[in-house]
Amino acid sequence: MQTHQSSAHALSHSDHGTPLRATVIWAVLIAATIVTWSVGESGTTGPAIVGLLFSIAFGKGALIILDYMALRRAPLMWPLLALGWMTLVCALIGIAYWKGLAA
């Protein structure tokens, strides 16, 4: 039995990146995780630290969405939808944090 893939659905390395790119992104994600863990272990607090941690988390999320989920070259609606959802969730958490500071 022969399977048929149209050229519109055929995937290449350019659609999902290269193994080297995936390895570099993996290393960046590990380094970012170590940084956030180190900050947590140090007990450092404050709005600047929370901003730093949110920035790192957002960057990690964007890398995962765009590269590991292969949405970088997907139709524009899909990466915008995923990144928009992540932005909304981060904004709501940030609002809750700032409201907690004011209380």
C-alpha atoms as a PDB file:
ATOM      1  CA  MET A   1       0.000   0.000   0.000  1.00  0.00           C
ATOM      2  CA  GLN A   2       1.456   3.287  -1.078  1.00  0.00           C
ATOM      3  CA  THR A   3       0.863   6.493   0.855  1.00  0.00           C
ATOM      4  CA  HIS A   4       0.446   9.749  -0.974  1.00  0.00           C
ATOM      5  CA  GLN A   5       1.495  13.128   0.306  1.00  0.00           C
ATOM      6  CA  SER A   6       0.755  16.190  -1.712  1.00  0.00           C
ATOM      7  CA  SER A   7       3.548  18.715  -2.015  1.00  0.00           C
ATOM      8  CA  ALA A   8       1.515  21.089   0.162  1.00  0.00           C
ATOM      9  CA  HIS A   9       1.742  18.649   3.078  1.00  0.00           C
ATOM     10  CA  ALA A  10       5.286  17.363   2.592  1.00  0.00           C
ATOM     11  CA  LEU A  11       7.584  18.516   5.377  1.00  0.00           C
ATOM     12  CA  SER A  12      11.257  19.295   5.121  1.00  0.00           C
ATOM     13  CA  HIS A  13      13.987  20.310   7.557  1.00  0.00           C
ATOM     14  CA  SER A  14      13.225  23.944   6.776  1.00  0.00           C
ATOM     15  CA  ASP A  15       9.698  23.470   8.158  1.00  0.00           C
ATOM     16  CA  HIS A  16      10.909  22.123  11.504  1.00  0.00           C
ATOM     17  CA  GLY A  17      14.438  23.497  11.678  1.00  0.00           C
ATOM     18  CA  THR A  18      17.583  21.441  11.818  1.00  0.00           C
ATOM     19  CA  PRO A  19      18.883  19.096  14.497  1.00  0.00           C
ATOM     20  CA  LEU A  20      21.542  21.701  15.346  1.00  0.00           C
ATOM     21  CA  ARG A  21      18.890  24.401  15.792  1.00  0.00           C
ATOM     22  CA  ALA A  22      16.837  22.107  18.027  1.00  0.00           C
ATOM     23  CA  THR A  23      19.933  21.345  20.111  1.00  0.00           C
ATOM     24  CA  VAL A  24      20.806  25.027  20.499  1.00  0.00           C
ATOM     25  CA  ILE A  25      17.231  25.865  21.498  1.00  0.00           C
ATOM     26  CA  TRP A  26      17.248  22.976  23.976  1.00  0.00           C
ATOM     27  CA  ALA A  27      20.480  24.326  25.510  1.00  0.00           C
ATOM     28  CA  VAL A  28      18.964  27.828  25.761  1.00  0.00           C
ATOM     29  CA  LEU A  29      15.876  26.391  27.467  1.00  0.00           C
ATOM     30  CA  ILE A  30      18.044  24.454  29.943  1.00  0.00           C
ATOM     31  CA  ALA A  31      20.162  27.557  30.674  1.00  0.00           C
ATOM     32  CA  ALA A  32      17.040  29.683  31.195  1.00  0.00           C
ATOM     33  CA  THR A  33      15.634  27.037  33.532  1.00  0.00           C
ATOM     34  CA  ILE A  34      18.858  27.008  35.545  1.00  0.00           C
ATOM     35  CA  VAL A  35      18.763  30.817  35.812  1.00  0.00           C
ATOM     36  CA  THR A  36      15.162  30.843  37.053  1.00  0.00           C
ATOM     37  CA  TRP A  37      15.874  28.003  39.482  1.00  0.00           C
ATOM     38  CA  SER A  38      18.927  29.857  40.791  1.00  0.00           C
ATOM     39  CA  VAL A  39      16.901  33.022  41.341  1.00  0.00           C
ATOM     40  CA  GLY A  40      14.265  31.028  43.205  1.00  0.00           C
ATOM     41  CA  GLU A  41      16.866  29.298  45.356  1.00  0.00           C
ATOM     42  CA  SER A  42      18.533  32.599  46.203  1.00  0.00           C
ATOM     43  CA  GLY A  43      15.293  33.923  47.672  1.00  0.00           C
ATOM     44  CA  THR A  44      15.610  37.223  45.806  1.00  0.00           C
ATOM     45  CA  THR A  45      12.251  38.972  45.503  1.00  0.00           C
ATOM     46  CA  GLY A  46      10.707  42.157  44.219  1.00  0.00           C
ATOM     47  CA  PRO A  47       9.015  43.504  41.115  1.00  0.00           C
ATOM     48  CA  ALA A  48      12.249  43.612  39.097  1.00  0.00           C
ATOM     49  CA  ILE A  49      12.938  39.937  39.797  1.00  0.00           C
ATOM     50  CA  VAL A  50       9.343  39.019  38.948  1.00  0.00           C
ATOM     51  CA  GLY A  51       9.716  40.960  35.682  1.00  0.00           C
ATOM     52  CA  LEU A  52      12.925  39.099  34.918  1.00  0.00           C
ATOM     53  CA  LEU A  53      11.312  35.732  35.624  1.00  0.00           C
ATOM     54  CA  PHE A  54       8.274  36.607  33.504  1.00  0.00           C
ATOM     55  CA  SER A  55      10.544  37.667  30.640  1.00  0.00           C
ATOM     56  CA  ILE A  56      12.489  34.416  30.812  1.00  0.00           C
ATOM     57  CA  ALA A  57       9.285  32.360  31.023  1.00  0.00           C
ATOM     58  CA  PHE A  58       7.772  34.214  28.068  1.00  0.00           C
ATOM     59  CA  GLY A  59      10.932  33.703  26.017  1.00  0.00           C
ATOM     60  CA  LYS A  60      10.957  30.003  26.830  1.00  0.00           C
ATOM     61  CA  GLY A  61       7.295  29.716  25.897  1.00  0.00           C
ATOM     62  CA  ALA A  62       7.869  31.515  22.605  1.00  0.00           C
ATOM     63  CA  LEU A  63      10.744  29.181  21.708  1.00  0.00           C
ATOM     64  CA  ILE A  64       8.630  26.133  22.489  1.00  0.00           C
ATOM     65  CA  ILE A  65       5.630  27.439  20.550  1.00  0.00           C
ATOM     66  CA  LEU A  66       7.559  28.623  17.516  1.00  0.00           C
ATOM     67  CA  ASP A  67      10.194  25.913  17.231  1.00  0.00           C
ATOM     68  CA  TYR A  68       9.237  22.747  19.088  1.00  0.00           C
ATOM     69  CA  MET A  69       5.587  23.048  18.085  1.00  0.00           C
ATOM     70  CA  ALA A  70       6.807  24.044  14.593  1.00  0.00           C
ATOM     71  CA  LEU A  71       4.571  27.102  14.364  1.00  0.00           C
ATOM     72  CA  ARG A  72       7.336  29.415  13.119  1.00  0.00           C
ATOM     73  CA  ARG A  73       6.469  28.637   9.493  1.00  0.00           C
ATOM     74  CA  ALA A  74       2.812  27.749  10.022  1.00  0.00           C
ATOM     75  CA  PRO A  75       0.034  29.976   8.731  1.00  0.00           C
ATOM     76  CA  LEU A  76       0.136  33.231  10.699  1.00  0.00           C
ATOM     77  CA  MET A  77      -3.093  32.518  12.575  1.00  0.00           C
ATOM     78  CA  TRP A  78      -1.585  29.573  14.507  1.00  0.00           C
ATOM     79  CA  PRO A  79       1.503  31.215  16.018  1.00  0.00           C
ATOM     80  CA  LEU A  80      -0.531  34.353  16.772  1.00  0.00           C
ATOM     81  CA  LEU A  81      -3.184  32.276  18.501  1.00  0.00           C
ATOM     82  CA  ALA A  82      -0.664  30.366  20.638  1.00  0.00           C
ATOM     83  CA  LEU A  83       1.469  33.419  21.445  1.00  0.00           C
ATOM     84  CA  GLY A  84      -1.648  35.483  22.108  1.00  0.00           C
ATOM     85  CA  TRP A  85      -2.925  32.908  24.587  1.00  0.00           C
ATOM     86  CA  MET A  86       0.428  32.842  26.355  1.00  0.00           C
ATOM     87  CA  THR A  87       0.450  36.652  26.447  1.00  0.00           C
ATOM     88  CA  LEU A  88      -3.046  36.701  27.940  1.00  0.00           C
ATOM     89  CA  VAL A  89      -2.149  34.184  30.640  1.00  0.00           C
ATOM     90  CA  CYS A  90       1.061  36.059  31.527  1.00  0.00           C
ATOM     91  CA  ALA A  91      -0.824  39.366  31.634  1.00  0.00           C
ATOM     92  CA  LEU A  92      -3.469  37.956  33.971  1.00  0.00           C
ATOM     93  CA  ILE A  93      -0.814  36.532  36.283  1.00  0.00           C
ATOM     94  CA  GLY A  94       1.028  39.863  36.188  1.00  0.00           C
ATOM     95  CA  ILE A  95      -2.151  41.790  37.019  1.00  0.00           C
ATOM     96  CA  ALA A  96      -2.843  39.459  39.939  1.00  0.00           C
ATOM     97  CA  TYR A  97       0.731  39.972  41.161  1.00  0.00           C
ATOM     98  CA  TRP A  98       0.509  43.789  40.972  1.00  0.00           C
ATOM     99  CA  LYS A  99      -2.882  43.809  42.692  1.00  0.00           C
ATOM    100  CA  GLY A 100      -1.372  41.659  45.434  1.00  0.00           C
ATOM    101  CA  LEU A 101       1.408  44.208  45.913  1.00  0.00           C
ATOM    102  CA  ALA A 102      -1.162  46.954  46.392  1.00  0.00           C
ATOM    103  CA  ALA A 103      -3.141  44.988  48.983  1.00  0.00           C
END
